[in-house]
Amino acid sequence: MEQEHSDVAHDDAEYIEAAREADPATTNAIGEAVGVTRQAADYRLRQLADEGKVEAEMIGNTLIWSVVE
């Protein structure tokens, strides 16, 4: 069964605001703030990174997300 990655219920602004507000802005923290699973948050955050809207830094084994201003 193929998993659906489309997240039409949450727009980019929600992810960006969550990345701005979370401390630290881990994938899990952003997912909780937006109301999606860690996997769904990771998928969308990577898309936003490809679009140049957010960037991630690996600290240990955790990605920390930040908004590109």
N, C-alpha and C. Protein backbone atom coordinates (compact mmCIF):
# COMPACT_ATOMS: atom_id res chain seq x y z
N MET A 1 0.84 -1.18 0.00
CA MET A 1 0.00 0.00 0.00
C MET A 1 0.89 1.25 0.00
N GLU A 2 0.66 2.14 -0.90
CA GLU A 2 1.46 3.36 -1.01
C GLU A 2 0.94 4.40 -0.02
N GLN A 3 1.88 5.02 0.71
CA GLN A 3 1.49 6.04 1.68
C GLN A 3 1.36 7.39 0.99
N GLU A 4 0.31 8.10 1.32
CA GLU A 4 0.06 9.42 0.76
C GLU A 4 0.88 10.45 1.52
N HIS A 5 1.65 11.27 0.79
CA HIS A 5 2.47 12.29 1.42
C HIS A 5 1.88 13.68 1.27
N SER A 6 0.82 13.83 0.54
CA SER A 6 0.21 15.13 0.34
C SER A 6 -0.37 15.62 1.66
N ASP A 7 -0.16 16.88 1.95
CA ASP A 7 -0.63 17.45 3.20
C ASP A 7 -1.41 18.72 2.90
N VAL A 8 -2.60 18.56 2.35
CA VAL A 8 -3.39 19.71 1.94
C VAL A 8 -4.02 20.44 3.13
N ALA A 9 -4.08 19.79 4.29
CA ALA A 9 -4.71 20.40 5.45
C ALA A 9 -3.80 21.43 6.12
N HIS A 10 -2.52 21.39 5.82
CA HIS A 10 -1.56 22.27 6.47
C HIS A 10 -0.75 22.99 5.41
N ASP A 11 -0.73 24.31 5.49
CA ASP A 11 0.02 25.06 4.48
C ASP A 11 1.44 25.35 4.94
N ASP A 12 2.24 25.85 4.01
CA ASP A 12 3.65 26.14 4.28
C ASP A 12 3.83 27.04 5.49
N ALA A 13 2.96 28.01 5.63
CA ALA A 13 3.09 28.99 6.72
C ALA A 13 3.06 28.32 8.09
N GLU A 14 2.28 27.26 8.24
CA GLU A 14 2.22 26.55 9.52
C GLU A 14 3.55 25.90 9.85
N TYR A 15 4.16 25.27 8.85
CA TYR A 15 5.46 24.64 9.06
C TYR A 15 6.54 25.68 9.35
N ILE A 16 6.51 26.76 8.61
CA ILE A 16 7.51 27.82 8.77
C ILE A 16 7.36 28.47 10.15
N GLU A 17 6.15 28.75 10.57
CA GLU A 17 5.92 29.34 11.89
C GLU A 17 6.37 28.37 12.99
N ALA A 18 6.07 27.10 12.83
CA ALA A 18 6.49 26.10 13.82
C ALA A 18 8.01 26.02 13.89
N ALA A 19 8.69 26.10 12.76
CA ALA A 19 10.16 26.08 12.74
C ALA A 19 10.71 27.32 13.43
N ARG A 20 10.03 28.42 13.29
CA ARG A 20 10.46 29.68 13.90
C ARG A 20 10.26 29.64 15.43
N GLU A 21 9.18 29.02 15.88
CA GLU A 21 8.81 29.05 17.29
C GLU A 21 9.40 27.92 18.13
N ALA A 22 9.62 26.76 17.55
CA ALA A 22 10.10 25.61 18.32
C ALA A 22 11.54 25.83 18.77
N ASP A 23 11.87 25.36 19.97
CA ASP A 23 13.22 25.50 20.49
C ASP A 23 13.61 24.24 21.23
N PRO A 24 14.36 23.35 20.65
CA PRO A 24 14.90 23.43 19.28
C PRO A 24 13.86 22.98 18.27
N ALA A 25 14.05 23.39 17.04
CA ALA A 25 13.09 23.09 15.98
C ALA A 25 13.41 21.74 15.35
N THR A 26 13.15 20.68 16.10
CA THR A 26 13.35 19.33 15.57
C THR A 26 12.18 18.96 14.67
N THR A 27 12.37 17.95 13.87
CA THR A 27 11.29 17.48 13.01
C THR A 27 10.09 17.07 13.84
N ASN A 28 10.34 16.37 14.93
CA ASN A 28 9.25 15.92 15.80
C ASN A 28 8.50 17.09 16.41
N ALA A 29 9.24 18.10 16.90
CA ALA A 29 8.59 19.27 17.51
C ALA A 29 7.74 20.02 16.50
N ILE A 30 8.23 20.15 15.30
CA ILE A 30 7.47 20.84 14.25
C ILE A 30 6.23 20.03 13.90
N GLY A 31 6.39 18.71 13.77
CA GLY A 31 5.24 17.86 13.49
C GLY A 31 4.17 17.98 14.57
N GLU A 32 4.58 17.98 15.83
CA GLU A 32 3.61 18.13 16.92
C GLU A 32 2.91 19.48 16.86
N ALA A 33 3.66 20.53 16.57
CA ALA A 33 3.08 21.87 16.50
C ALA A 33 2.06 21.99 15.36
N VAL A 34 2.37 21.34 14.23
CA VAL A 34 1.48 21.42 13.07
C VAL A 34 0.33 20.42 13.20
N GLY A 35 0.58 19.33 13.91
CA GLY A 35 -0.46 18.31 14.07
C GLY A 35 -0.35 17.17 13.08
N VAL A 36 0.90 16.84 12.71
CA VAL A 36 1.15 15.74 11.78
C VAL A 36 2.20 14.82 12.39
N THR A 37 2.36 13.65 11.79
CA THR A 37 3.39 12.73 12.25
C THR A 37 4.78 13.26 11.94
N ARG A 38 5.78 12.71 12.62
CA ARG A 38 7.16 13.09 12.35
C ARG A 38 7.51 12.82 10.89
N GLN A 39 7.03 11.70 10.36
CA GLN A 39 7.32 11.34 8.98
C GLN A 39 6.71 12.35 8.01
N ALA A 40 5.48 12.77 8.26
CA ALA A 40 4.84 13.75 7.38
C ALA A 40 5.56 15.10 7.47
N ALA A 41 5.96 15.47 8.69
CA ALA A 41 6.69 16.73 8.86
C ALA A 41 8.03 16.67 8.13
N ASP A 42 8.73 15.55 8.24
CA ASP A 42 10.02 15.40 7.57
C ASP A 42 9.87 15.54 6.06
N TYR A 43 8.86 14.90 5.52
CA TYR A 43 8.62 14.95 4.07
C TYR A 43 8.39 16.39 3.61
N ARG A 44 7.51 17.10 4.33
CA ARG A 44 7.18 18.48 3.93
C ARG A 44 8.33 19.43 4.17
N LEU A 45 9.05 19.27 5.28
CA LEU A 45 10.19 20.13 5.57
C LEU A 45 11.29 19.96 4.52
N ARG A 46 11.50 18.74 4.06
CA ARG A 46 12.49 18.52 3.00
C ARG A 46 12.06 19.20 1.69
N GLN A 47 10.76 19.20 1.42
CA GLN A 47 10.26 19.93 0.25
C GLN A 47 10.50 21.43 0.41
N LEU A 48 10.22 21.95 1.58
CA LEU A 48 10.44 23.37 1.84
C LEU A 48 11.93 23.72 1.76
N ALA A 49 12.79 22.80 2.18
CA ALA A 49 14.23 23.02 2.06
C ALA A 49 14.64 23.07 0.59
N ASP A 50 14.07 22.19 -0.21
CA ASP A 50 14.36 22.19 -1.66
C ASP A 50 13.92 23.51 -2.30
N GLU A 51 12.87 24.11 -1.74
CA GLU A 51 12.36 25.39 -2.25
C GLU A 51 13.11 26.58 -1.66
N GLY A 52 14.06 26.32 -0.75
CA GLY A 52 14.85 27.39 -0.15
C GLY A 52 14.15 28.15 0.96
N LYS A 53 13.09 27.59 1.53
CA LYS A 53 12.34 28.29 2.57
C LYS A 53 12.83 27.97 3.98
N VAL A 54 13.36 26.77 4.16
CA VAL A 54 13.95 26.37 5.44
C VAL A 54 15.26 25.65 5.15
N GLU A 55 16.07 25.51 6.20
CA GLU A 55 17.29 24.73 6.07
C GLU A 55 17.47 23.91 7.34
N ALA A 56 18.25 22.85 7.23
CA ALA A 56 18.45 21.96 8.36
C ALA A 56 19.92 21.82 8.66
N GLU A 57 20.21 21.66 9.94
CA GLU A 57 21.57 21.39 10.39
C GLU A 57 21.52 20.11 11.22
N MET A 58 22.42 19.18 10.94
CA MET A 58 22.47 17.93 11.69
C MET A 58 23.29 18.17 12.96
N ILE A 59 22.65 17.97 14.09
CA ILE A 59 23.34 18.06 15.38
C ILE A 59 23.19 16.70 16.04
N GLY A 60 24.30 15.99 16.14
CA GLY A 60 24.25 14.60 16.59
C GLY A 60 23.52 13.80 15.53
N ASN A 61 22.44 13.15 15.91
CA ASN A 61 21.63 12.42 14.92
C ASN A 61 20.27 13.09 14.72
N THR A 62 20.19 14.38 15.03
CA THR A 62 18.92 15.12 14.95
C THR A 62 19.04 16.29 13.99
N LEU A 63 18.05 16.44 13.13
CA LEU A 63 17.98 17.61 12.26
C LEU A 63 17.32 18.75 13.01
N ILE A 64 17.96 19.90 12.99
CA ILE A 64 17.39 21.11 13.57
C ILE A 64 17.09 22.05 12.40
N TRP A 65 15.84 22.46 12.30
CA TRP A 65 15.36 23.25 11.18
C TRP A 65 15.36 24.73 11.53
N SER A 66 15.64 25.56 10.55
CA SER A 66 15.55 27.01 10.73
C SER A 66 14.97 27.62 9.45
N VAL A 67 14.36 28.76 9.63
CA VAL A 67 13.73 29.47 8.51
C VAL A 67 14.78 30.30 7.81
N VAL A 68 14.78 30.25 6.49
CA VAL A 68 15.67 31.08 5.68
C VAL A 68 15.00 32.44 5.56
N GLU A 69 15.66 33.45 6.05
CA GLU A 69 15.08 34.80 6.02
C GLU A 69 15.48 35.54 4.78
